[in-house]
Amino acid sequence: MTLSLTAHARLTIQERGLALEWIERAIEIPDRIEADPSGPDVWRSFKIIPEAGNRIIRVVHRRDGADILVITAFLDRGAKL
């Protein structure tokens, strides 16, 4: 699996100081996953990130052929696992 990022995802990851490794971890071994209401093929993966003070990252993504397209990612203050 290869990750690709939308322009929006690249910008928000940089602005928010998120590590790409956190995003990969959230997609590969999520603590929770749910459908995103924006479309039938879009998912939200959640993962506790110890390096970020045990905050939870939310990664919105979808399959793009054999790859995963990351739409956005952020530390979700309201997420519950």
PDB file of N, CA and C in Angstrom:
ATOM      1  N   MET A   1       0.851  -1.184   0.000  1.00  0.00           N
ATOM      2  CA  MET A   1       0.000   0.000   0.000  1.00  0.00           C
ATOM      3  C   MET A   1       0.891   1.239   0.000  1.00  0.00           C
ATOM      4  N   THR A   2       0.538   2.169  -0.849  1.00  0.00           N
ATOM      5  CA  THR A   2       1.230   3.448  -0.918  1.00  0.00           C
ATOM      6  C   THR A   2       0.238   4.541  -0.573  1.00  0.00           C
ATOM      7  N   LEU A   3       0.703   5.497   0.232  1.00  0.00           N
ATOM      8  CA  LEU A   3      -0.139   6.647   0.558  1.00  0.00           C
ATOM      9  C   LEU A   3       0.132   7.775  -0.415  1.00  0.00           C
ATOM     10  N   SER A   4      -0.928   8.403  -0.869  1.00  0.00           N
ATOM     11  CA  SER A   4      -0.791   9.653  -1.605  1.00  0.00           C
ATOM     12  C   SER A   4      -1.631  10.689  -0.866  1.00  0.00           C
ATOM     13  N   LEU A   5      -1.260  11.935  -1.022  1.00  0.00           N
ATOM     14  CA  LEU A   5      -1.906  13.019  -0.281  1.00  0.00           C
ATOM     15  C   LEU A   5      -2.521  14.022  -1.239  1.00  0.00           C
ATOM     16  N   THR A   6      -3.718  14.480  -0.922  1.00  0.00           N
ATOM     17  CA  THR A   6      -4.290  15.587  -1.674  1.00  0.00           C
ATOM     18  C   THR A   6      -3.487  16.845  -1.329  1.00  0.00           C
ATOM     19  N   ALA A   7      -3.628  17.875  -2.142  1.00  0.00           N
ATOM     20  CA  ALA A   7      -2.958  19.154  -1.850  1.00  0.00           C
ATOM     21  C   ALA A   7      -3.415  19.675  -0.491  1.00  0.00           C
ATOM     22  N   HIS A   8      -4.703  19.521  -0.208  1.00  0.00           N
ATOM     23  CA  HIS A   8      -5.242  19.950   1.086  1.00  0.00           C
ATOM     24  C   HIS A   8      -4.570  19.187   2.224  1.00  0.00           C
ATOM     25  N   ALA A   9      -4.427  17.881   2.077  1.00  0.00           N
ATOM     26  CA  ALA A   9      -3.796  17.069   3.124  1.00  0.00           C
ATOM     27  C   ALA A   9      -2.344  17.493   3.336  1.00  0.00           C
ATOM     28  N   ARG A  10      -1.600  17.702   2.255  1.00  0.00           N
ATOM     29  CA  ARG A  10      -0.195  18.133   2.397  1.00  0.00           C
ATOM     30  C   ARG A  10      -0.103  19.446   3.166  1.00  0.00           C
ATOM     31  N   LEU A  11      -0.984  20.383   2.837  1.00  0.00           N
ATOM     32  CA  LEU A  11      -0.975  21.687   3.502  1.00  0.00           C
ATOM     33  C   LEU A  11      -1.339  21.558   4.977  1.00  0.00           C
ATOM     34  N   THR A  12      -2.398  20.842   5.272  1.00  0.00           N
ATOM     35  CA  THR A  12      -2.832  20.745   6.673  1.00  0.00           C
ATOM     36  C   THR A  12      -1.839  19.960   7.525  1.00  0.00           C
ATOM     37  N   ILE A  13      -1.226  18.937   6.964  1.00  0.00           N
ATOM     38  CA  ILE A  13      -0.218  18.172   7.708  1.00  0.00           C
ATOM     39  C   ILE A  13       0.951  19.074   8.075  1.00  0.00           C
ATOM     40  N   GLN A  14       1.376  19.879   7.121  1.00  0.00           N
ATOM     41  CA  GLN A  14       2.481  20.801   7.375  1.00  0.00           C
ATOM     42  C   GLN A  14       2.078  21.862   8.401  1.00  0.00           C
ATOM     43  N   GLU A  15       0.923  22.494   8.201  1.00  0.00           N
ATOM     44  CA  GLU A  15       0.472  23.558   9.107  1.00  0.00           C
ATOM     45  C   GLU A  15       0.264  23.057  10.532  1.00  0.00           C
ATOM     46  N   ARG A  16      -0.215  21.831  10.671  1.00  0.00           N
ATOM     47  CA  ARG A  16      -0.542  21.293  11.995  1.00  0.00           C
ATOM     48  C   ARG A  16       0.613  20.535  12.630  1.00  0.00           C
ATOM     49  N   GLY A  17       1.722  20.410  11.919  1.00  0.00           N
ATOM     50  CA  GLY A  17       2.903  19.752  12.471  1.00  0.00           C
ATOM     51  C   GLY A  17       2.702  18.260  12.714  1.00  0.00           C
ATOM     52  N   LEU A  18       1.940  17.616  11.837  1.00  0.00           N
ATOM     53  CA  LEU A  18       1.680  16.189  11.992  1.00  0.00           C
ATOM     54  C   LEU A  18       2.779  15.377  11.311  1.00  0.00           C
ATOM     55  N   ALA A  19       3.140  14.269  11.918  1.00  0.00           N
ATOM     56  CA  ALA A  19       4.133  13.379  11.322  1.00  0.00           C
ATOM     57  C   ALA A  19       3.435  12.416  10.364  1.00  0.00           C
ATOM     58  N   LEU A  20       4.032  12.209   9.214  1.00  0.00           N
ATOM     59  CA  LEU A  20       3.474  11.281   8.243  1.00  0.00           C
ATOM     60  C   LEU A  20       3.366   9.878   8.850  1.00  0.00           C
ATOM     61  N   GLU A  21       4.284   9.529   9.716  1.00  0.00           N
ATOM     62  CA  GLU A  21       4.259   8.224  10.382  1.00  0.00           C
ATOM     63  C   GLU A  21       2.985   8.060  11.210  1.00  0.00           C
ATOM     64  N   TRP A  22       2.494   9.136  11.821  1.00  0.00           N
ATOM     65  CA  TRP A  22       1.249   9.064  12.601  1.00  0.00           C
ATOM     66  C   TRP A  22       0.083   8.722  11.686  1.00  0.00           C
ATOM     67  N   ILE A  23       0.080   9.319  10.509  1.00  0.00           N
ATOM     68  CA  ILE A  23      -0.994   9.093   9.544  1.00  0.00           C
ATOM     69  C   ILE A  23      -0.953   7.652   9.049  1.00  0.00           C
ATOM     70  N   GLU A  24       0.242   7.175   8.735  1.00  0.00           N
ATOM     71  CA  GLU A  24       0.391   5.788   8.311  1.00  0.00           C
ATOM     72  C   GLU A  24      -0.088   4.829   9.391  1.00  0.00           C
ATOM     73  N   ARG A  25       0.290   5.097  10.625  1.00  0.00           N
ATOM     74  CA  ARG A  25      -0.108   4.242  11.754  1.00  0.00           C
ATOM     75  C   ARG A  25      -1.625   4.231  11.917  1.00  0.00           C
ATOM     76  N   ALA A  26      -2.255   5.389  11.771  1.00  0.00           N
ATOM     77  CA  ALA A  26      -3.709   5.479  11.919  1.00  0.00           C
ATOM     78  C   ALA A  26      -4.428   4.665  10.856  1.00  0.00           C
ATOM     79  N   ILE A  27      -3.892   4.643   9.651  1.00  0.00           N
ATOM     80  CA  ILE A  27      -4.527   3.899   8.569  1.00  0.00           C
ATOM     81  C   ILE A  27      -4.233   2.401   8.681  1.00  0.00           C
ATOM     82  N   GLU A  28      -2.991   2.053   9.002  1.00  0.00           N
ATOM     83  CA  GLU A  28      -2.593   0.645   9.032  1.00  0.00           C
ATOM     84  C   GLU A  28      -3.100  -0.095  10.263  1.00  0.00           C
ATOM     85  N   ILE A  29      -3.090   0.558  11.427  1.00  0.00           N
ATOM     86  CA  ILE A  29      -3.542  -0.092  12.672  1.00  0.00           C
ATOM     87  C   ILE A  29      -4.400   0.885  13.492  1.00  0.00           C
ATOM     88  N   PRO A  30      -5.576   1.224  12.972  1.00  0.00           N
ATOM     89  CA  PRO A  30      -6.429   2.208  13.660  1.00  0.00           C
ATOM     90  C   PRO A  30      -6.973   1.663  14.982  1.00  0.00           C
ATOM     91  N   ASP A  31      -7.234   2.584  15.900  1.00  0.00           N
ATOM     92  CA  ASP A  31      -7.942   2.217  17.127  1.00  0.00           C
ATOM     93  C   ASP A  31      -9.442   2.149  16.857  1.00  0.00           C
ATOM     94  N   ARG A  32      -9.880   2.908  15.877  1.00  0.00           N
ATOM     95  CA  ARG A  32     -11.289   2.890  15.449  1.00  0.00           C
ATOM     96  C   ARG A  32     -11.360   3.355  14.005  1.00  0.00           C
ATOM     97  N   ILE A  33     -12.325   2.832  13.270  1.00  0.00           N
ATOM     98  CA  ILE A  33     -12.564   3.272  11.896  1.00  0.00           C
ATOM     99  C   ILE A  33     -14.065   3.388  11.702  1.00  0.00           C
ATOM    100  N   GLU A  34     -14.467   4.397  10.944  1.00  0.00           N
ATOM    101  CA  GLU A  34     -15.893   4.589  10.662  1.00  0.00           C
ATOM    102  C   GLU A  34     -16.050   5.201   9.275  1.00  0.00           C
ATOM    103  N   ALA A  35     -17.222   5.040   8.724  1.00  0.00           N
ATOM    104  CA  ALA A  35     -17.522   5.645   7.426  1.00  0.00           C
ATOM    105  C   ALA A  35     -17.606   7.158   7.588  1.00  0.00           C
ATOM    106  N   ASP A  36     -17.124   7.885   6.588  1.00  0.00           N
ATOM    107  CA  ASP A  36     -17.241   9.337   6.575  1.00  0.00           C
ATOM    108  C   ASP A  36     -18.516   9.696   5.814  1.00  0.00           C
ATOM    109  N   PRO A  37     -19.304  10.627   6.310  1.00  0.00           N
ATOM    110  CA  PRO A  37     -20.562  10.965   5.643  1.00  0.00           C
ATOM    111  C   PRO A  37     -20.402  11.626   4.270  1.00  0.00           C
ATOM    112  N   SER A  38     -19.177  11.989   3.895  1.00  0.00           N
ATOM    113  CA  SER A  38     -18.985  12.680   2.610  1.00  0.00           C
ATOM    114  C   SER A  38     -19.105  11.755   1.400  1.00  0.00           C
ATOM    115  N   GLY A  39     -19.053  10.444   1.614  1.00  0.00           N
ATOM    116  CA  GLY A  39     -19.182   9.537   0.481  1.00  0.00           C
ATOM    117  C   GLY A  39     -19.061   8.088   0.899  1.00  0.00           C
ATOM    118  N   PRO A  40     -19.565   7.189   0.063  1.00  0.00           N
ATOM    119  CA  PRO A  40     -19.590   5.774   0.446  1.00  0.00           C
ATOM    120  C   PRO A  40     -18.213   5.120   0.502  1.00  0.00           C
ATOM    121  N   ASP A  41     -17.221   5.673  -0.161  1.00  0.00           N
ATOM    122  CA  ASP A  41     -15.891   5.077  -0.182  1.00  0.00           C
ATOM    123  C   ASP A  41     -14.889   5.842   0.677  1.00  0.00           C
ATOM    124  N   VAL A  42     -15.372   6.756   1.499  1.00  0.00           N
ATOM    125  CA  VAL A  42     -14.494   7.591   2.323  1.00  0.00           C
ATOM    126  C   VAL A  42     -14.587   7.121   3.771  1.00  0.00           C
ATOM    127  N   TRP A  43     -13.416   6.998   4.409  1.00  0.00           N
ATOM    128  CA  TRP A  43     -13.337   6.464   5.774  1.00  0.00           C
ATOM    129  C   TRP A  43     -12.606   7.423   6.691  1.00  0.00           C
ATOM    130  N   ARG A  44     -12.899   7.293   7.979  1.00  0.00           N
ATOM    131  CA  ARG A  44     -12.193   8.017   9.036  1.00  0.00           C
ATOM    132  C   ARG A  44     -11.483   6.976   9.894  1.00  0.00           C
ATOM    133  N   SER A  45     -10.172   7.111  10.038  1.00  0.00           N
ATOM    134  CA  SER A  45      -9.398   6.245  10.925  1.00  0.00           C
ATOM    135  C   SER A  45      -8.909   7.088  12.092  1.00  0.00           C
ATOM    136  N   PHE A  46      -9.035   6.542  13.293  1.00  0.00           N
ATOM    137  CA  PHE A  46      -8.635   7.235  14.513  1.00  0.00           C
ATOM    138  C   PHE A  46      -7.527   6.447  15.205  1.00  0.00           C
ATOM    139  N   LYS A  47      -6.552   7.160  15.767  1.00  0.00           N
ATOM    140  CA  LYS A  47      -5.446   6.505  16.448  1.00  0.00           C
ATOM    141  C   LYS A  47      -4.927   7.396  17.561  1.00  0.00           C
ATOM    142  N   ILE A  48      -4.709   6.826  18.739  1.00  0.00           N
ATOM    143  CA  ILE A  48      -4.057   7.559  19.826  1.00  0.00           C
ATOM    144  C   ILE A  48      -2.581   7.711  19.475  1.00  0.00           C
ATOM    145  N   ILE A  49      -2.074   8.923  19.620  1.00  0.00           N
ATOM    146  CA  ILE A  49      -0.673   9.218  19.301  1.00  0.00           C
ATOM    147  C   ILE A  49       0.051   9.601  20.591  1.00  0.00           C
ATOM    148  N   PRO A  50       0.800   8.658  21.184  1.00  0.00           N
ATOM    149  CA  PRO A  50       1.513   8.965  22.427  1.00  0.00           C
ATOM    150  C   PRO A  50       2.461  10.162  22.300  1.00  0.00           C
ATOM    151  N   GLU A  51       3.114  10.300  21.135  1.00  0.00           N
ATOM    152  CA  GLU A  51       4.065  11.394  20.927  1.00  0.00           C
ATOM    153  C   GLU A  51       3.392  12.763  20.909  1.00  0.00           C
ATOM    154  N   ALA A  52       2.077  12.791  20.770  1.00  0.00           N
ATOM    155  CA  ALA A  52       1.316  14.046  20.764  1.00  0.00           C
ATOM    156  C   ALA A  52       0.512  14.172  22.055  1.00  0.00           C
ATOM    157  N   GLY A  53       1.052  13.660  23.146  1.00  0.00           N
ATOM    158  CA  GLY A  53       0.370  13.768  24.440  1.00  0.00           C
ATOM    159  C   GLY A  53      -0.881  12.901  24.515  1.00  0.00           C
ATOM    160  N   ASN A  54      -0.866  11.752  23.826  1.00  0.00           N
ATOM    161  CA  ASN A  54      -2.006  10.826  23.795  1.00  0.00           C
ATOM    162  C   ASN A  54      -3.256  11.426  23.157  1.00  0.00           C
ATOM    163  N   ARG A  55      -3.057  12.416  22.326  1.00  0.00           N
ATOM    164  CA  ARG A  55      -4.195  12.959  21.569  1.00  0.00           C
ATOM    165  C   ARG A  55      -4.556  11.984  20.458  1.00  0.00           C
ATOM    166  N   ILE A  56      -5.729  12.152  19.901  1.00  0.00           N
ATOM    167  CA  ILE A  56      -6.230  11.246  18.874  1.00  0.00           C
ATOM    168  C   ILE A  56      -6.155  11.940  17.515  1.00  0.00           C
ATOM    169  N   ILE A  57      -5.544  11.250  16.560  1.00  0.00           N
ATOM    170  CA  ILE A  57      -5.497  11.771  15.199  1.00  0.00           C
ATOM    171  C   ILE A  57      -6.663  11.174  14.414  1.00  0.00           C
ATOM    172  N   ARG A  58      -7.286  11.997  13.603  1.00  0.00           N
ATOM    173  CA  ARG A  58      -8.319  11.538  12.668  1.00  0.00           C
ATOM    174  C   ARG A  58      -7.750  11.705  11.260  1.00  0.00           C
ATOM    175  N   VAL A  59      -7.786  10.627  10.498  1.00  0.00           N
ATOM    176  CA  VAL A  59      -7.317  10.645   9.118  1.00  0.00           C
ATOM    177  C   VAL A  59      -8.496  10.269   8.220  1.00  0.00           C
ATOM    178  N   VAL A  60      -8.847  11.161   7.312  1.00  0.00           N
ATOM    179  CA  VAL A  60      -9.928  10.906   6.368  1.00  0.00           C
ATOM    180  C   VAL A  60      -9.268  10.454   5.065  1.00  0.00           C
ATOM    181  N   HIS A  61      -9.710   9.301   4.548  1.00  0.00           N
ATOM    182  CA  HIS A  61      -9.026   8.701   3.409  1.00  0.00           C
ATOM    183  C   HIS A  61      -9.976   7.831   2.591  1.00  0.00           C
ATOM    184  N   ARG A  62      -9.492   7.452   1.407  1.00  0.00           N
ATOM    185  CA  ARG A  62     -10.237   6.511   0.559  1.00  0.00           C
ATOM    186  C   ARG A  62      -9.249   5.739  -0.294  1.00  0.00           C
ATOM    187  N   ARG A  63      -9.690   4.610  -0.775  1.00  0.00           N
ATOM    188  CA  ARG A  63      -8.881   3.813  -1.704  1.00  0.00           C
ATOM    189  C   ARG A  63      -8.781   4.556  -3.026  1.00  0.00           C
ATOM    190  N   ASP A  64      -7.624   4.469  -3.624  1.00  0.00           N
ATOM    191  CA  ASP A  64      -7.379   5.044  -4.949  1.00  0.00           C
ATOM    192  C   ASP A  64      -6.626   3.983  -5.737  1.00  0.00           C
ATOM    193  N   GLY A  65      -7.377   3.037  -6.296  1.00  0.00           N
ATOM    194  CA  GLY A  65      -6.749   1.873  -6.919  1.00  0.00           C
ATOM    195  C   GLY A  65      -6.135   1.011  -5.831  1.00  0.00           C
ATOM    196  N   ALA A  66      -4.855   0.704  -5.966  1.00  0.00           N
ATOM    197  CA  ALA A  66      -4.159  -0.087  -4.947  1.00  0.00           C
ATOM    198  C   ALA A  66      -3.613   0.799  -3.824  1.00  0.00           C
ATOM    199  N   ASP A  67      -3.735   2.091  -3.977  1.00  0.00           N
ATOM    200  CA  ASP A  67      -3.188   3.039  -3.005  1.00  0.00           C
ATOM    201  C   ASP A  67      -4.277   3.594  -2.099  1.00  0.00           C
ATOM    202  N   ILE A  68      -3.846   4.364  -1.104  1.00  0.00           N
ATOM    203  CA  ILE A  68      -4.746   5.076  -0.200  1.00  0.00           C
ATOM    204  C   ILE A  68      -4.529   6.569  -0.416  1.00  0.00           C
ATOM    205  N   LEU A  69      -5.602   7.290  -0.676  1.00  0.00           N
ATOM    206  CA  LEU A  69      -5.540   8.743  -0.827  1.00  0.00           C
ATOM    207  C   LEU A  69      -5.967   9.384   0.486  1.00  0.00           C
ATOM    208  N   VAL A  70      -5.062  10.137   1.100  1.00  0.00           N
ATOM    209  CA  VAL A  70      -5.366  10.858   2.337  1.00  0.00           C
ATOM    210  C   VAL A  70      -5.974  12.204   1.950  1.00  0.00           C
ATOM    211  N   ILE A  71      -7.177  12.447   2.447  1.00  0.00           N
ATOM    212  CA  ILE A  71      -7.906  13.666   2.123  1.00  0.00           C
ATOM    213  C   ILE A  71      -7.569  14.770   3.117  1.00  0.00           C
ATOM    214  N   THR A  72      -7.541  14.419   4.403  1.00  0.00           N
ATOM    215  CA  THR A  72      -7.150  15.362   5.443  1.00  0.00           C
ATOM    216  C   THR A  72      -6.777  14.590   6.696  1.00  0.00           C
ATOM    217  N   ALA A  73      -6.127  15.278   7.631  1.00  0.00           N
ATOM    218  CA  ALA A  73      -5.765  14.679   8.908  1.00  0.00           C
ATOM    219  C   ALA A  73      -5.632  15.799   9.940  1.00  0.00           C
ATOM    220  N   PHE A  74      -6.037  15.487  11.166  1.00  0.00           N
ATOM    221  CA  PHE A  74      -5.908  16.475  12.234  1.00  0.00           C
ATOM    222  C   PHE A  74      -6.020  15.779  13.587  1.00  0.00           C
ATOM    223  N   LEU A  75      -5.518  16.455  14.625  1.00  0.00           N
ATOM    224  CA  LEU A  75      -5.691  15.973  15.985  1.00  0.00           C
ATOM    225  C   LEU A  75      -7.083  16.380  16.417  1.00  0.00           C
ATOM    226  N   ASP A  76      -7.912  15.394  16.694  1.00  0.00           N
ATOM    227  CA  ASP A  76      -9.351  15.585  16.912  1.00  0.00           C
ATOM    228  C   ASP A  76      -9.625  15.729  18.403  1.00  0.00           C
ATOM    229  N   ARG A  77      -9.893  16.944  18.851  1.00  0.00           N
ATOM    230  CA  ARG A  77     -10.137  17.205  20.272  1.00  0.00           C
ATOM    231  C   ARG A  77     -11.398  16.515  20.796  1.00  0.00           C
ATOM    232  N   GLY A  78     -12.382  16.295  19.926  1.00  0.00           N
ATOM    233  CA  GLY A  78     -13.654  15.730  20.377  1.00  0.00           C
ATOM    234  C   GLY A  78     -13.791  14.226  20.187  1.00  0.00           C
ATOM    235  N   ALA A  79     -12.759  13.593  19.630  1.00  0.00           N
ATOM    236  CA  ALA A  79     -12.857  12.151  19.323  1.00  0.00           C
ATOM    237  C   ALA A  79     -12.854  11.328  20.607  1.00  0.00           C
ATOM    238  N   LYS A  80     -13.663  10.298  20.600  1.00  0.00           N
ATOM    239  CA  LYS A  80     -13.720   9.316  21.689  1.00  0.00           C
ATOM    240  C   LYS A  80     -13.465   7.941  21.086  1.00  0.00           C
ATOM    241  N   LEU A  81     -12.725   7.129  21.803  1.00  0.00           N
ATOM    242  CA  LEU A  81     -12.447   5.779  21.288  1.00  0.00           C
ATOM    243  C   LEU A  81     -13.225   4.738  22.039  1.00  0.00           C
TER     244      LEU A  81
END
